[in-house]
Amino acid sequence: MARIAARWVALLLLVSLVASSSATSSGEPHCCVDHHVWGKALENKGCKREEKEDECDAWCQSACRGGECKRRDKLHYCHCYC
């Protein structure tokens, strides 16, 4: 019984490590790059609706320590400055 519990704990630890490493690598904006997803949980892709542009700009400026949202291919993307 203890072996089964130890295996589950090890498996859960491994899964959480993999999930956290992939979240940090994709969640941090890099400079000189257009970010096609944005928002707290990176739930927004581009920005087709006009009412979301202010939200995109605010996220872009705070996440990139500067930066601006630009229109490309009819979508609004966050471009981080270097």
N, C-alpha and C. Protein backbone atom coordinates (compact mmCIF):
# COMPACT_ATOMS: atom_id res chain seq x y z
N MET A 1 0.82 -1.19 0.00
CA MET A 1 0.00 0.00 0.00
C MET A 1 0.87 1.26 0.00
N ALA A 2 1.95 1.24 0.76
CA ALA A 2 2.84 2.40 0.82
C ALA A 2 3.55 2.60 -0.52
N ARG A 3 3.86 1.50 -1.20
CA ARG A 3 4.52 1.62 -2.50
C ARG A 3 3.59 2.28 -3.52
N ILE A 4 2.34 1.92 -3.48
CA ILE A 4 1.37 2.53 -4.41
C ILE A 4 1.24 4.02 -4.13
N ALA A 5 1.17 4.38 -2.87
CA ALA A 5 1.06 5.80 -2.51
C ALA A 5 2.31 6.57 -2.94
N ALA A 6 3.47 5.96 -2.76
CA ALA A 6 4.72 6.62 -3.15
C ALA A 6 4.78 6.81 -4.67
N ARG A 7 4.29 5.84 -5.41
CA ARG A 7 4.28 5.96 -6.87
C ARG A 7 3.34 7.09 -7.31
N TRP A 8 2.18 7.19 -6.67
CA TRP A 8 1.24 8.27 -7.02
C TRP A 8 1.82 9.63 -6.69
N VAL A 9 2.48 9.74 -5.57
CA VAL A 9 3.10 11.01 -5.19
C VAL A 9 4.19 11.38 -6.20
N ALA A 10 5.00 10.42 -6.59
CA ALA A 10 6.06 10.68 -7.56
C ALA A 10 5.46 11.08 -8.92
N LEU A 11 4.41 10.41 -9.32
CA LEU A 11 3.75 10.73 -10.58
C LEU A 11 3.15 12.14 -10.55
N LEU A 12 2.48 12.49 -9.47
CA LEU A 12 1.90 13.83 -9.34
C LEU A 12 2.97 14.90 -9.33
N LEU A 13 4.08 14.63 -8.67
CA LEU A 13 5.19 15.58 -8.63
C LEU A 13 5.76 15.78 -10.04
N LEU A 14 5.94 14.71 -10.77
CA LEU A 14 6.46 14.80 -12.13
C LEU A 14 5.52 15.59 -13.04
N VAL A 15 4.24 15.31 -12.95
CA VAL A 15 3.25 16.02 -13.77
C VAL A 15 3.24 17.50 -13.43
N SER A 16 3.31 17.85 -12.15
CA SER A 16 3.29 19.26 -11.78
C SER A 16 4.56 19.97 -12.24
N LEU A 17 5.70 19.31 -12.21
CA LEU A 17 6.94 19.92 -12.69
C LEU A 17 6.88 20.18 -14.19
N VAL A 18 6.37 19.24 -14.94
CA VAL A 18 6.25 19.41 -16.39
C VAL A 18 5.28 20.53 -16.71
N ALA A 19 4.17 20.58 -16.01
CA ALA A 19 3.17 21.62 -16.27
C ALA A 19 3.70 23.00 -15.92
N SER A 20 4.43 23.12 -14.82
CA SER A 20 4.94 24.43 -14.43
C SER A 20 6.05 24.90 -15.36
N SER A 21 6.88 23.99 -15.85
CA SER A 21 7.94 24.41 -16.76
C SER A 21 7.38 24.84 -18.11
N SER A 22 6.34 24.18 -18.59
CA SER A 22 5.76 24.59 -19.86
C SER A 22 4.98 25.88 -19.71
N ALA A 23 4.38 26.12 -18.57
CA ALA A 23 3.64 27.36 -18.35
C ALA A 23 4.57 28.56 -18.27
N THR A 24 5.71 28.41 -17.62
CA THR A 24 6.62 29.54 -17.51
C THR A 24 7.31 29.82 -18.83
N SER A 25 7.58 28.80 -19.61
CA SER A 25 8.26 29.06 -20.88
C SER A 25 7.35 29.73 -21.89
N SER A 26 6.06 29.41 -21.88
CA SER A 26 5.17 30.04 -22.84
C SER A 26 4.52 31.29 -22.30
N GLY A 27 4.51 31.48 -20.99
CA GLY A 27 3.81 32.60 -20.40
C GLY A 27 4.60 33.87 -20.30
N GLU A 28 5.90 33.82 -20.44
CA GLU A 28 6.71 35.01 -20.32
C GLU A 28 6.97 35.62 -21.68
N PRO A 29 6.52 36.85 -21.88
CA PRO A 29 6.77 37.49 -23.17
C PRO A 29 8.26 37.75 -23.39
N HIS A 30 8.72 37.58 -24.60
CA HIS A 30 10.11 37.84 -24.96
C HIS A 30 10.16 39.10 -25.80
N CYS A 31 11.30 39.77 -25.75
CA CYS A 31 11.40 41.03 -26.49
C CYS A 31 11.53 40.78 -27.99
N CYS A 32 11.15 41.80 -28.75
CA CYS A 32 11.21 41.78 -30.22
C CYS A 32 10.42 40.63 -30.83
N VAL A 33 9.33 40.26 -30.20
CA VAL A 33 8.51 39.15 -30.67
C VAL A 33 7.05 39.59 -30.63
N ASP A 34 6.26 39.17 -31.60
CA ASP A 34 4.82 39.38 -31.56
C ASP A 34 4.19 38.23 -30.78
N HIS A 35 3.39 38.58 -29.80
CA HIS A 35 2.71 37.56 -28.99
C HIS A 35 1.26 37.48 -29.44
N HIS A 36 0.88 36.33 -29.95
CA HIS A 36 -0.44 36.16 -30.53
C HIS A 36 -1.47 35.80 -29.48
N VAL A 37 -1.06 35.38 -28.31
CA VAL A 37 -1.98 35.14 -27.21
C VAL A 37 -1.61 36.09 -26.09
N TRP A 38 -2.62 36.54 -25.36
CA TRP A 38 -2.38 37.52 -24.31
C TRP A 38 -3.46 37.41 -23.25
N GLY A 39 -3.20 38.01 -22.11
CA GLY A 39 -4.14 38.01 -21.00
C GLY A 39 -3.58 37.22 -19.84
N LYS A 40 -4.28 37.25 -18.71
CA LYS A 40 -3.80 36.58 -17.50
C LYS A 40 -3.48 35.12 -17.73
N ALA A 41 -4.40 34.40 -18.31
CA ALA A 41 -4.18 32.98 -18.55
C ALA A 41 -3.87 32.71 -20.02
N LEU A 42 -3.45 33.76 -20.71
CA LEU A 42 -3.16 33.66 -22.14
C LEU A 42 -4.35 33.08 -22.89
N GLU A 43 -5.55 33.55 -22.51
CA GLU A 43 -6.76 33.00 -23.09
C GLU A 43 -7.22 33.71 -24.35
N ASN A 44 -6.65 34.86 -24.66
CA ASN A 44 -7.07 35.63 -25.82
C ASN A 44 -6.10 35.45 -26.98
N LYS A 45 -6.63 35.22 -28.15
CA LYS A 45 -5.77 35.10 -29.33
C LYS A 45 -6.04 36.29 -30.23
N GLY A 46 -5.02 37.09 -30.43
CA GLY A 46 -5.19 38.28 -31.24
C GLY A 46 -6.24 39.19 -30.65
N CYS A 47 -6.84 40.00 -31.46
CA CYS A 47 -7.87 40.89 -30.96
C CYS A 47 -8.70 41.37 -32.14
N LYS A 48 -9.80 40.71 -32.41
CA LYS A 48 -10.64 41.08 -33.54
C LYS A 48 -11.62 42.18 -33.17
N ARG A 49 -12.08 42.17 -31.94
CA ARG A 49 -13.11 43.13 -31.54
C ARG A 49 -12.48 44.40 -31.00
N GLU A 50 -13.03 45.52 -31.36
CA GLU A 50 -12.49 46.82 -30.96
C GLU A 50 -12.49 46.99 -29.44
N GLU A 51 -13.49 46.44 -28.74
CA GLU A 51 -13.57 46.67 -27.30
C GLU A 51 -12.45 45.98 -26.53
N LYS A 52 -11.78 45.03 -27.12
CA LYS A 52 -10.69 44.34 -26.44
C LYS A 52 -9.34 45.02 -26.66
N GLU A 53 -9.25 45.99 -27.53
CA GLU A 53 -7.96 46.60 -27.83
C GLU A 53 -7.34 47.27 -26.62
N ASP A 54 -8.15 47.96 -25.80
CA ASP A 54 -7.61 48.61 -24.61
C ASP A 54 -7.07 47.58 -23.62
N GLU A 55 -7.78 46.45 -23.48
CA GLU A 55 -7.31 45.39 -22.59
C GLU A 55 -5.99 44.81 -23.11
N CYS A 56 -5.90 44.62 -24.41
CA CYS A 56 -4.67 44.09 -25.01
C CYS A 56 -3.52 45.06 -24.79
N ASP A 57 -3.77 46.35 -25.01
CA ASP A 57 -2.73 47.35 -24.79
C ASP A 57 -2.25 47.36 -23.35
N ALA A 58 -3.18 47.31 -22.40
CA ALA A 58 -2.82 47.33 -20.98
C ALA A 58 -1.99 46.11 -20.62
N TRP A 59 -2.40 44.92 -21.10
CA TRP A 59 -1.64 43.71 -20.79
C TRP A 59 -0.26 43.78 -21.42
N CYS A 60 -0.20 44.23 -22.65
CA CYS A 60 1.07 44.30 -23.38
C CYS A 60 2.05 45.22 -22.67
N GLN A 61 1.59 46.38 -22.25
CA GLN A 61 2.48 47.34 -21.60
C GLN A 61 2.97 46.83 -20.26
N SER A 62 2.13 46.12 -19.52
CA SER A 62 2.56 45.62 -18.21
C SER A 62 3.39 44.35 -18.33
N ALA A 63 3.02 43.44 -19.22
CA ALA A 63 3.74 42.17 -19.35
C ALA A 63 5.09 42.35 -20.02
N CYS A 64 5.20 43.34 -20.90
CA CYS A 64 6.44 43.53 -21.66
C CYS A 64 7.30 44.66 -21.11
N ARG A 65 6.86 45.26 -20.02
CA ARG A 65 7.58 46.43 -19.48
C ARG A 65 7.74 47.48 -20.58
N GLY A 66 6.68 47.78 -21.21
CA GLY A 66 6.68 48.61 -22.40
C GLY A 66 6.20 47.74 -23.53
N GLY A 67 6.15 48.22 -24.68
CA GLY A 67 5.64 47.43 -25.78
C GLY A 67 4.33 48.01 -26.24
N GLU A 68 3.85 47.51 -27.33
CA GLU A 68 2.60 48.03 -27.86
C GLU A 68 1.89 46.95 -28.64
N CYS A 69 0.59 47.13 -28.74
CA CYS A 69 -0.19 46.22 -29.57
C CYS A 69 -0.23 46.76 -30.98
N LYS A 70 -0.01 45.89 -31.93
CA LYS A 70 0.01 46.26 -33.34
C LYS A 70 -1.00 45.41 -34.09
N ARG A 71 -1.52 45.96 -35.16
CA ARG A 71 -2.44 45.20 -36.00
C ARG A 71 -1.66 44.51 -37.10
N ARG A 72 -1.87 43.21 -37.19
CA ARG A 72 -1.28 42.41 -38.26
C ARG A 72 -2.32 41.39 -38.69
N ASP A 73 -2.57 41.32 -39.97
CA ASP A 73 -3.55 40.37 -40.51
C ASP A 73 -4.90 40.47 -39.80
N LYS A 74 -5.35 41.69 -39.57
CA LYS A 74 -6.65 41.99 -38.97
C LYS A 74 -6.75 41.56 -37.51
N LEU A 75 -5.64 41.20 -36.88
CA LEU A 75 -5.64 40.87 -35.46
C LEU A 75 -4.71 41.84 -34.74
N HIS A 76 -4.91 41.98 -33.47
CA HIS A 76 -4.16 42.90 -32.63
C HIS A 76 -3.20 42.07 -31.79
N TYR A 77 -1.90 42.20 -32.02
CA TYR A 77 -0.91 41.41 -31.30
C TYR A 77 -0.05 42.29 -30.42
N CYS A 78 0.45 41.72 -29.35
CA CYS A 78 1.36 42.43 -28.45
C CYS A 78 2.78 42.27 -28.98
N HIS A 79 3.46 43.39 -29.19
CA HIS A 79 4.86 43.36 -29.63
C HIS A 79 5.71 43.94 -28.52
N CYS A 80 6.60 43.13 -27.97
CA CYS A 80 7.45 43.57 -26.86
C CYS A 80 8.70 44.26 -27.40
N TYR A 81 9.05 45.37 -26.77
CA TYR A 81 10.28 46.07 -27.13
C TYR A 81 11.48 45.35 -26.53
N CYS A 82 12.64 45.56 -27.12
CA CYS A 82 13.88 44.98 -26.58
C CYS A 82 14.54 45.94 -25.63
